[in-house]
């Protein structure tokens, strides 16, 4: 496999955009909700990467321009035998390298300097994206777009004195009833339609749900389960209840 300089350069130029995407994803971490994988060909992810890359390189190019202006005003700057502005090197080409006619005429540490100049925007944009994504306002907007109807429950359950209890009726039948579980919601995963795809219950009790002529009856079992994971494909119904603050979910 031959080395593709163009592909390598494109990946370096897009690195700040990928850092913005990764920073926002890391800021979305939630103990109650498992992150859903990005949809293939997601327009939002593509826009995030493109505009993140543009923003990162705009910041870096502005800093390099400010540095060059400062060095013209003072005489304390270190002069090198190559152009320290990587963007001018990329746009103008080899002629911008302070009169060098070939790569052999350049100092050995010029390439690491240029690589660092291209990687530094990725570090800056990643940190900025993570800090912005951790803010409550930005996080709430992001969660509304990702979680939808489930976002108010997550916002309420974040309080130390509140928790969500889930009641899950499975499709498994036993003794004329359906096996069901009740426990504290430990983790949940949503599918592309924002429906529950997987649920994890903590301190779980198992019981039977029987439908008789007198109505729906619950038959408790002495079994207690520390932690259980249930696939929504094997569940008939999932009910959620918030305990702690009696105020309505908003």
C-alpha atoms as a PDB file:
ATOM      1  CA  UNK A   1       0.000   0.000   0.000  1.00  0.00           C
ATOM      2  CA  UNK A   2       1.532   3.270  -1.142  1.00  0.00           C
ATOM      3  CA  UNK A   3       1.545   6.276   1.176  1.00  0.00           C
ATOM      4  CA  UNK A   4      -1.035   8.904   0.257  1.00  0.00           C
ATOM      5  CA  UNK A   5       0.186  12.358   1.249  1.00  0.00           C
ATOM      6  CA  UNK A   6      -3.112  13.945   0.212  1.00  0.00           C
ATOM      7  CA  UNK A   7      -5.154  11.606   2.414  1.00  0.00           C
ATOM      8  CA  UNK A   8      -2.809  12.154   5.352  1.00  0.00           C
ATOM      9  CA  UNK A   9      -3.080  15.929   4.933  1.00  0.00           C
ATOM     10  CA  UNK A  10      -6.877  15.780   4.706  1.00  0.00           C
ATOM     11  CA  UNK A  11      -7.074  13.784   7.943  1.00  0.00           C
ATOM     12  CA  UNK A  12      -4.831  16.306   9.685  1.00  0.00           C
ATOM     13  CA  UNK A  13      -6.955  19.196   8.446  1.00  0.00           C
ATOM     14  CA  UNK A  14     -10.142  17.463   9.625  1.00  0.00           C
ATOM     15  CA  UNK A  15      -8.651  16.587  13.029  1.00  0.00           C
ATOM     16  CA  UNK A  16     -10.130  19.664  14.794  1.00  0.00           C
ATOM     17  CA  UNK A  17     -13.587  18.689  13.542  1.00  0.00           C
ATOM     18  CA  UNK A  18     -13.240  15.151  14.851  1.00  0.00           C
ATOM     19  CA  UNK A  19     -12.036  16.590  18.166  1.00  0.00           C
ATOM     20  CA  UNK A  20     -15.170  18.760  18.417  1.00  0.00           C
ATOM     21  CA  UNK A  21     -17.344  15.718  17.739  1.00  0.00           C
ATOM     22  CA  UNK A  22     -15.465  13.639  20.330  1.00  0.00           C
ATOM     23  CA  UNK A  23     -15.572  16.447  22.899  1.00  0.00           C
ATOM     24  CA  UNK A  24     -19.332  16.788  22.571  1.00  0.00           C
ATOM     25  CA  UNK A  25     -19.808  13.023  22.807  1.00  0.00           C
ATOM     26  CA  UNK A  26     -17.673  12.800  25.941  1.00  0.00           C
ATOM     27  CA  UNK A  27     -19.627  15.661  27.513  1.00  0.00           C
ATOM     28  CA  UNK A  28     -22.861  13.720  26.874  1.00  0.00           C
ATOM     29  CA  UNK A  29     -21.826  10.871  29.166  1.00  0.00           C
ATOM     30  CA  UNK A  30     -24.704   9.865  31.429  1.00  0.00           C
ATOM     31  CA  UNK A  31     -24.758   7.026  33.927  1.00  0.00           C
ATOM     32  CA  UNK A  32     -28.445   6.346  33.300  1.00  0.00           C
ATOM     33  CA  UNK A  33     -28.441   6.403  29.504  1.00  0.00           C
ATOM     34  CA  UNK A  34     -26.115   4.453  27.236  1.00  0.00           C
ATOM     35  CA  UNK A  35     -24.938   6.496  24.291  1.00  0.00           C
ATOM     36  CA  UNK A  36     -26.477   5.422  21.026  1.00  0.00           C
ATOM     37  CA  UNK A  37     -24.074   5.027  18.088  1.00  0.00           C
ATOM     38  CA  UNK A  38     -24.106   7.763  15.500  1.00  0.00           C
ATOM     39  CA  UNK A  39     -26.368   7.130  12.552  1.00  0.00           C
ATOM     40  CA  UNK A  40     -24.549   6.384   9.289  1.00  0.00           C
ATOM     41  CA  UNK A  41     -24.206   9.451   7.061  1.00  0.00           C
ATOM     42  CA  UNK A  42     -25.499  11.691   9.873  1.00  0.00           C
ATOM     43  CA  UNK A  43     -25.848  15.257   8.592  1.00  0.00           C
ATOM     44  CA  UNK A  44     -25.432  16.684  12.085  1.00  0.00           C
ATOM     45  CA  UNK A  45     -22.152  14.818  12.638  1.00  0.00           C
ATOM     46  CA  UNK A  46     -20.871  15.893   9.217  1.00  0.00           C
ATOM     47  CA  UNK A  47     -21.681  19.548   9.937  1.00  0.00           C
ATOM     48  CA  UNK A  48     -20.052  19.283  13.361  1.00  0.00           C
ATOM     49  CA  UNK A  49     -16.828  17.914  11.873  1.00  0.00           C
ATOM     50  CA  UNK A  50     -16.683  20.416   8.996  1.00  0.00           C
ATOM     51  CA  UNK A  51     -17.472  23.544  11.011  1.00  0.00           C
ATOM     52  CA  UNK A  52     -15.302  22.311  13.885  1.00  0.00           C
ATOM     53  CA  UNK A  53     -12.365  21.940  11.514  1.00  0.00           C
ATOM     54  CA  UNK A  54     -12.944  25.397  10.046  1.00  0.00           C
ATOM     55  CA  UNK A  55     -13.206  26.958  13.520  1.00  0.00           C
ATOM     56  CA  UNK A  56     -10.062  25.221  14.752  1.00  0.00           C
ATOM     57  CA  UNK A  57      -7.946  26.271  11.800  1.00  0.00           C
ATOM     58  CA  UNK A  58      -9.350  29.807  11.943  1.00  0.00           C
ATOM     59  CA  UNK A  59      -8.233  30.113  15.569  1.00  0.00           C
ATOM     60  CA  UNK A  60      -4.793  28.679  14.811  1.00  0.00           C
ATOM     61  CA  UNK A  61      -4.247  30.799  11.707  1.00  0.00           C
ATOM     62  CA  UNK A  62      -5.254  33.895  13.675  1.00  0.00           C
ATOM     63  CA  UNK A  63      -2.740  33.045  16.403  1.00  0.00           C
ATOM     64  CA  UNK A  64       0.016  32.523  13.821  1.00  0.00           C
ATOM     65  CA  UNK A  65      -0.834  35.848  12.150  1.00  0.00           C
ATOM     66  CA  UNK A  66      -0.757  37.592  15.522  1.00  0.00           C
ATOM     67  CA  UNK A  67       2.589  35.968  16.293  1.00  0.00           C
ATOM     68  CA  UNK A  68       4.040  37.128  12.980  1.00  0.00           C
ATOM     69  CA  UNK A  69       2.793  40.671  13.556  1.00  0.00           C
ATOM     70  CA  UNK A  70       4.279  40.696  17.049  1.00  0.00           C
ATOM     71  CA  UNK A  71       7.648  39.457  15.775  1.00  0.00           C
ATOM     72  CA  UNK A  72       7.754  42.272  13.240  1.00  0.00           C
ATOM     73  CA  UNK A  73       7.361  44.819  16.021  1.00  0.00           C
ATOM     74  CA  UNK A  74       9.996  43.388  18.352  1.00  0.00           C
ATOM     75  CA  UNK A  75      13.450  41.928  17.838  1.00  0.00           C
ATOM     76  CA  UNK A  76      13.365  39.215  20.493  1.00  0.00           C
ATOM     77  CA  UNK A  77      11.724  36.506  18.335  1.00  0.00           C
ATOM     78  CA  UNK A  78      13.630  33.442  17.212  1.00  0.00           C
ATOM     79  CA  UNK A  79      14.269  33.378  13.465  1.00  0.00           C
ATOM     80  CA  UNK A  80      14.191  30.000  11.710  1.00  0.00           C
ATOM     81  CA  UNK A  81      15.144  28.851   8.207  1.00  0.00           C
ATOM     82  CA  UNK A  82      11.614  27.839   7.297  1.00  0.00           C
ATOM     83  CA  UNK A  83       8.182  29.410   7.293  1.00  0.00           C
ATOM     84  CA  UNK A  84       6.525  28.689  10.682  1.00  0.00           C
ATOM     85  CA  UNK A  85       3.078  29.386   9.227  1.00  0.00           C
ATOM     86  CA  UNK A  86       1.922  25.932   8.097  1.00  0.00           C
ATOM     87  CA  UNK A  87      -1.152  27.344   6.377  1.00  0.00           C
ATOM     88  CA  UNK A  88       0.933  29.553   4.125  1.00  0.00           C
ATOM     89  CA  UNK A  89       3.149  26.561   3.369  1.00  0.00           C
ATOM     90  CA  UNK A  90       0.094  24.515   2.347  1.00  0.00           C
ATOM     91  CA  UNK A  91      -1.564  27.276   0.305  1.00  0.00           C
ATOM     92  CA  UNK A  92       1.470  28.874  -1.350  1.00  0.00           C
ATOM     93  CA  UNK A  93       3.598  25.755  -1.596  1.00  0.00           C
ATOM     94  CA  UNK A  94       7.274  25.067  -1.334  1.00  0.00           C
ATOM     95  CA  UNK A  95       8.286  28.565  -2.424  1.00  0.00           C
ATOM     96  CA  UNK A  96       7.009  29.933   0.883  1.00  0.00           C
ATOM     97  CA  UNK A  97       9.659  28.035   2.855  1.00  0.00           C
ATOM     98  CA  UNK A  98      12.019  30.970   3.280  1.00  0.00           C
ATOM     99  CA  UNK A  99      13.760  30.495  -0.030  1.00  0.00           C
ATOM    100  CA  UNK A 100      14.340  26.762   0.297  1.00  0.00           C
ATOM    101  CA  UNK A 101      14.325  24.905  -2.985  1.00  0.00           C
ATOM    102  CA  UNK A 102      13.879  21.402  -1.592  1.00  0.00           C
ATOM    103  CA  UNK A 103      12.957  19.592   1.568  1.00  0.00           C
ATOM    104  CA  UNK A 104      16.596  18.651   2.006  1.00  0.00           C
ATOM    105  CA  UNK A 105      17.426  22.319   2.701  1.00  0.00           C
ATOM    106  CA  UNK A 106      15.025  22.468   5.649  1.00  0.00           C
ATOM    107  CA  UNK A 107      16.024  21.815   9.280  1.00  0.00           C
ATOM    108  CA  UNK A 108      15.109  18.378  10.589  1.00  0.00           C
ATOM    109  CA  UNK A 109      12.727  19.750  13.220  1.00  0.00           C
ATOM    110  CA  UNK A 110      10.658  21.749  10.733  1.00  0.00           C
ATOM    111  CA  UNK A 111       8.368  18.788   9.996  1.00  0.00           C
ATOM    112  CA  UNK A 112       7.596  18.102  13.693  1.00  0.00           C
ATOM    113  CA  UNK A 113       6.850  21.815  14.099  1.00  0.00           C
ATOM    114  CA  UNK A 114       4.393  21.782  11.193  1.00  0.00           C
ATOM    115  CA  UNK A 115       2.737  18.601  12.461  1.00  0.00           C
ATOM    116  CA  UNK A 116       2.376  20.181  15.889  1.00  0.00           C
ATOM    117  CA  UNK A 117       0.862  23.256  14.266  1.00  0.00           C
ATOM    118  CA  UNK A 118      -1.794  21.065  12.637  1.00  0.00           C
ATOM    119  CA  UNK A 119      -2.476  18.995  15.770  1.00  0.00           C
ATOM    120  CA  UNK A 120      -2.700  21.929  18.166  1.00  0.00           C
ATOM    121  CA  UNK A 121      -6.067  23.134  16.759  1.00  0.00           C
ATOM    122  CA  UNK A 122      -7.487  19.662  17.368  1.00  0.00           C
ATOM    123  CA  UNK A 123      -6.470  19.824  21.032  1.00  0.00           C
ATOM    124  CA  UNK A 124      -7.892  23.317  21.458  1.00  0.00           C
ATOM    125  CA  UNK A 125     -11.218  22.579  19.776  1.00  0.00           C
ATOM    126  CA  UNK A 126     -11.609  19.298  21.660  1.00  0.00           C
ATOM    127  CA  UNK A 127     -11.150  20.986  25.026  1.00  0.00           C
ATOM    128  CA  UNK A 128     -13.466  23.858  24.081  1.00  0.00           C
ATOM    129  CA  UNK A 129     -16.157  21.468  22.829  1.00  0.00           C
ATOM    130  CA  UNK A 130     -15.951  19.382  26.010  1.00  0.00           C
ATOM    131  CA  UNK A 131     -16.209  22.468  28.227  1.00  0.00           C
ATOM    132  CA  UNK A 132     -19.152  23.850  26.253  1.00  0.00           C
ATOM    133  CA  UNK A 133     -20.869  20.456  26.127  1.00  0.00           C
ATOM    134  CA  UNK A 134     -20.575  20.145  29.911  1.00  0.00           C
ATOM    135  CA  UNK A 135     -22.539  23.348  30.471  1.00  0.00           C
ATOM    136  CA  UNK A 136     -26.078  22.747  31.608  1.00  0.00           C
ATOM    137  CA  UNK A 137     -27.702  24.813  28.840  1.00  0.00           C
ATOM    138  CA  UNK A 138     -25.782  23.128  26.031  1.00  0.00           C
ATOM    139  CA  UNK A 139     -26.199  19.695  27.597  1.00  0.00           C
ATOM    140  CA  UNK A 140     -29.956  20.172  27.924  1.00  0.00           C
ATOM    141  CA  UNK A 141     -30.312  21.150  24.264  1.00  0.00           C
ATOM    142  CA  UNK A 142     -28.168  18.218  23.161  1.00  0.00           C
ATOM    143  CA  UNK A 143     -30.092  15.749  25.332  1.00  0.00           C
ATOM    144  CA  UNK A 144     -33.423  16.992  24.006  1.00  0.00           C
ATOM    145  CA  UNK A 145     -32.325  16.235  20.473  1.00  0.00           C
ATOM    146  CA  UNK A 146     -30.913  12.814  21.422  1.00  0.00           C
ATOM    147  CA  UNK A 147     -33.244  11.577  24.184  1.00  0.00           C
ATOM    148  CA  UNK A 148     -36.503  13.266  23.227  1.00  0.00           C
ATOM    149  CA  UNK A 149     -39.306  12.279  25.619  1.00  0.00           C
ATOM    150  CA  UNK A 150     -36.850  10.656  28.033  1.00  0.00           C
ATOM    151  CA  UNK A 151     -34.866  13.840  28.738  1.00  0.00           C
ATOM    152  CA  UNK A 152     -37.161  15.201  31.531  1.00  0.00           C
ATOM    153  CA  UNK A 153     -36.873  11.912  33.400  1.00  0.00           C
ATOM    154  CA  UNK A 154     -33.086  12.037  33.215  1.00  0.00           C
ATOM    155  CA  UNK A 155     -33.048  15.661  34.386  1.00  0.00           C
ATOM    156  CA  UNK A 156     -35.195  14.764  37.404  1.00  0.00           C
ATOM    157  CA  UNK A 157     -33.264  11.598  38.245  1.00  0.00           C
ATOM    158  CA  UNK A 158     -29.955  13.516  38.436  1.00  0.00           C
ATOM    159  CA  UNK A 159     -30.965  14.881  41.849  1.00  0.00           C
ATOM    160  CA  UNK A 160     -29.409  13.016  44.745  1.00  0.00           C
ATOM    161  CA  UNK A 161     -32.788  12.560  46.461  1.00  0.00           C
ATOM    162  CA  UNK A 162     -34.632  11.232  43.396  1.00  0.00           C
ATOM    163  CA  UNK A 163     -34.577   7.982  41.463  1.00  0.00           C
ATOM    164  CA  UNK A 164     -36.630   6.181  38.819  1.00  0.00           C
ATOM    165  CA  UNK A 165     -38.281   2.818  39.447  1.00  0.00           C
ATOM    166  CA  UNK A 166     -39.089   0.661  36.424  1.00  0.00           C
ATOM    167  CA  UNK A 167     -41.749  -2.036  36.150  1.00  0.00           C
ATOM    168  CA  UNK A 168     -41.085  -4.478  33.323  1.00  0.00           C
ATOM    169  CA  UNK A 169     -43.511  -7.166  32.176  1.00  0.00           C
ATOM    170  CA  UNK A 170     -41.743  -9.746  30.028  1.00  0.00           C
ATOM    171  CA  UNK A 171     -43.094 -12.191  27.471  1.00  0.00           C
ATOM    172  CA  UNK A 172     -42.036 -15.178  29.623  1.00  0.00           C
ATOM    173  CA  UNK A 173     -45.056 -17.055  30.989  1.00  0.00           C
ATOM    174  CA  UNK A 174     -45.164 -19.083  34.195  1.00  0.00           C
ATOM    175  CA  UNK A 175     -48.040 -20.620  36.128  1.00  0.00           C
ATOM    176  CA  UNK A 176     -50.676 -18.796  34.098  1.00  0.00           C
ATOM    177  CA  UNK A 177     -49.029 -15.385  34.399  1.00  0.00           C
ATOM    178  CA  UNK A 178     -46.257 -13.270  32.941  1.00  0.00           C
ATOM    179  CA  UNK A 179     -42.898 -12.842  34.661  1.00  0.00           C
ATOM    180  CA  UNK A 180     -42.293  -9.222  35.656  1.00  0.00           C
ATOM    181  CA  UNK A 181     -39.543  -7.258  37.393  1.00  0.00           C
ATOM    182  CA  UNK A 182     -39.471  -4.162  39.577  1.00  0.00           C
ATOM    183  CA  UNK A 183     -36.288  -2.311  40.367  1.00  0.00           C
ATOM    184  CA  UNK A 184     -34.368   0.941  40.399  1.00  0.00           C
ATOM    185  CA  UNK A 185     -33.421   2.107  36.908  1.00  0.00           C
ATOM    186  CA  UNK A 186     -29.651   1.691  36.590  1.00  0.00           C
ATOM    187  CA  UNK A 187     -29.177   2.114  32.846  1.00  0.00           C
ATOM    188  CA  UNK A 188     -31.241   2.311  29.685  1.00  0.00           C
ATOM    189  CA  UNK A 189     -30.465   2.357  25.969  1.00  0.00           C
ATOM    190  CA  UNK A 190     -32.656   3.933  23.298  1.00  0.00           C
ATOM    191  CA  UNK A 191     -32.928   2.906  19.664  1.00  0.00           C
ATOM    192  CA  UNK A 192     -33.134   5.147  16.589  1.00  0.00           C
ATOM    193  CA  UNK A 193     -36.843   5.801  17.280  1.00  0.00           C
ATOM    194  CA  UNK A 194     -36.052   6.849  20.885  1.00  0.00           C
ATOM    195  CA  UNK A 195     -37.804   3.763  22.205  1.00  0.00           C
ATOM    196  CA  UNK A 196     -36.289   1.695  25.013  1.00  0.00           C
ATOM    197  CA  UNK A 197     -34.105  -1.031  23.525  1.00  0.00           C
ATOM    198  CA  UNK A 198     -32.402  -2.279  26.707  1.00  0.00           C
ATOM    199  CA  UNK A 199     -32.953  -1.656  30.397  1.00  0.00           C
ATOM    200  CA  UNK A 200     -30.887  -2.505  33.479  1.00  0.00           C
ATOM    201  CA  UNK A 201     -32.519  -2.745  36.912  1.00  0.00           C
ATOM    202  CA  UNK A 202     -30.828  -2.605  40.296  1.00  0.00           C
ATOM    203  CA  UNK A 203     -32.171  -4.175  43.534  1.00  0.00           C
ATOM    204  CA  UNK A 204     -34.764  -5.967  41.458  1.00  0.00           C
ATOM    205  CA  UNK A 205     -37.796  -7.937  42.688  1.00  0.00           C
ATOM    206  CA  UNK A 206     -39.462 -10.567  40.544  1.00  0.00           C
ATOM    207  CA  UNK A 207     -43.225 -11.179  40.501  1.00  0.00           C
ATOM    208  CA  UNK A 208     -45.990 -12.623  38.331  1.00  0.00           C
ATOM    209  CA  UNK A 209     -48.707 -10.649  36.583  1.00  0.00           C
ATOM    210  CA  UNK A 210     -51.941 -12.613  36.205  1.00  0.00           C
ATOM    211  CA  UNK A 211     -55.004 -11.465  34.304  1.00  0.00           C
ATOM    212  CA  UNK A 212     -58.187 -12.895  35.817  1.00  0.00           C
ATOM    213  CA  UNK A 213     -61.876 -12.110  35.707  1.00  0.00           C
ATOM    214  CA  UNK A 214     -61.384  -9.845  38.714  1.00  0.00           C
ATOM    215  CA  UNK A 215     -58.675  -7.840  36.953  1.00  0.00           C
ATOM    216  CA  UNK A 216     -54.885  -7.732  36.933  1.00  0.00           C
ATOM    217  CA  UNK A 217     -53.263  -9.311  39.971  1.00  0.00           C
ATOM    218  CA  UNK A 218     -49.686  -9.258  41.191  1.00  0.00           C
ATOM    219  CA  UNK A 219     -48.215 -12.371  42.749  1.00  0.00           C
ATOM    220  CA  UNK A 220     -44.965 -11.565  44.548  1.00  0.00           C
ATOM    221  CA  UNK A 221     -42.064 -14.003  44.587  1.00  0.00           C
ATOM    222  CA  UNK A 222     -39.446 -14.186  47.346  1.00  0.00           C
ATOM    223  CA  UNK A 223     -36.652 -13.886  44.782  1.00  0.00           C
ATOM    224  CA  UNK A 224     -34.520 -10.719  44.830  1.00  0.00           C
ATOM    225  CA  UNK A 225     -31.984  -9.947  42.099  1.00  0.00           C
ATOM    226  CA  UNK A 226     -29.086  -7.568  42.574  1.00  0.00           C
ATOM    227  CA  UNK A 227     -28.727  -6.511  38.922  1.00  0.00           C
ATOM    228  CA  UNK A 228     -30.506  -7.637  35.771  1.00  0.00           C
ATOM    229  CA  UNK A 229     -30.394  -6.600  32.126  1.00  0.00           C
ATOM    230  CA  UNK A 230     -33.512  -6.982  30.009  1.00  0.00           C
ATOM    231  CA  UNK A 231     -33.877  -6.756  26.245  1.00  0.00           C
ATOM    232  CA  UNK A 232     -36.916  -4.784  25.165  1.00  0.00           C
ATOM    233  CA  UNK A 233     -37.639  -7.387  22.482  1.00  0.00           C
ATOM    234  CA  UNK A 234     -38.546  -9.791  25.294  1.00  0.00           C
ATOM    235  CA  UNK A 235     -40.692  -7.257  27.162  1.00  0.00           C
ATOM    236  CA  UNK A 236     -44.410  -6.653  26.769  1.00  0.00           C
ATOM    237  CA  UNK A 237     -44.578  -3.442  28.752  1.00  0.00           C
ATOM    238  CA  UNK A 238     -42.233  -1.037  30.567  1.00  0.00           C
ATOM    239  CA  UNK A 239     -43.529   1.496  33.088  1.00  0.00           C
ATOM    240  CA  UNK A 240     -41.483   4.190  34.818  1.00  0.00           C
ATOM    241  CA  UNK A 241     -42.166   5.996  38.087  1.00  0.00           C
ATOM    242  CA  UNK A 242     -40.208   8.842  39.668  1.00  0.00           C
ATOM    243  CA  UNK A 243     -39.676   8.735  43.419  1.00  0.00           C
ATOM    244  CA  UNK A 244     -38.381  11.492  45.646  1.00  0.00           C
ATOM    245  CA  UNK A 245     -39.608  14.946  44.708  1.00  0.00           C
ATOM    246  CA  UNK A 246     -43.421  14.820  44.288  1.00  0.00           C
ATOM    247  CA  UNK A 247     -43.415  17.806  41.937  1.00  0.00           C
ATOM    248  CA  UNK A 248     -44.524  17.132  38.387  1.00  0.00           C
ATOM    249  CA  UNK A 249     -41.965  16.432  35.717  1.00  0.00           C
ATOM    250  CA  UNK A 250     -41.448  19.494  33.551  1.00  0.00           C
END
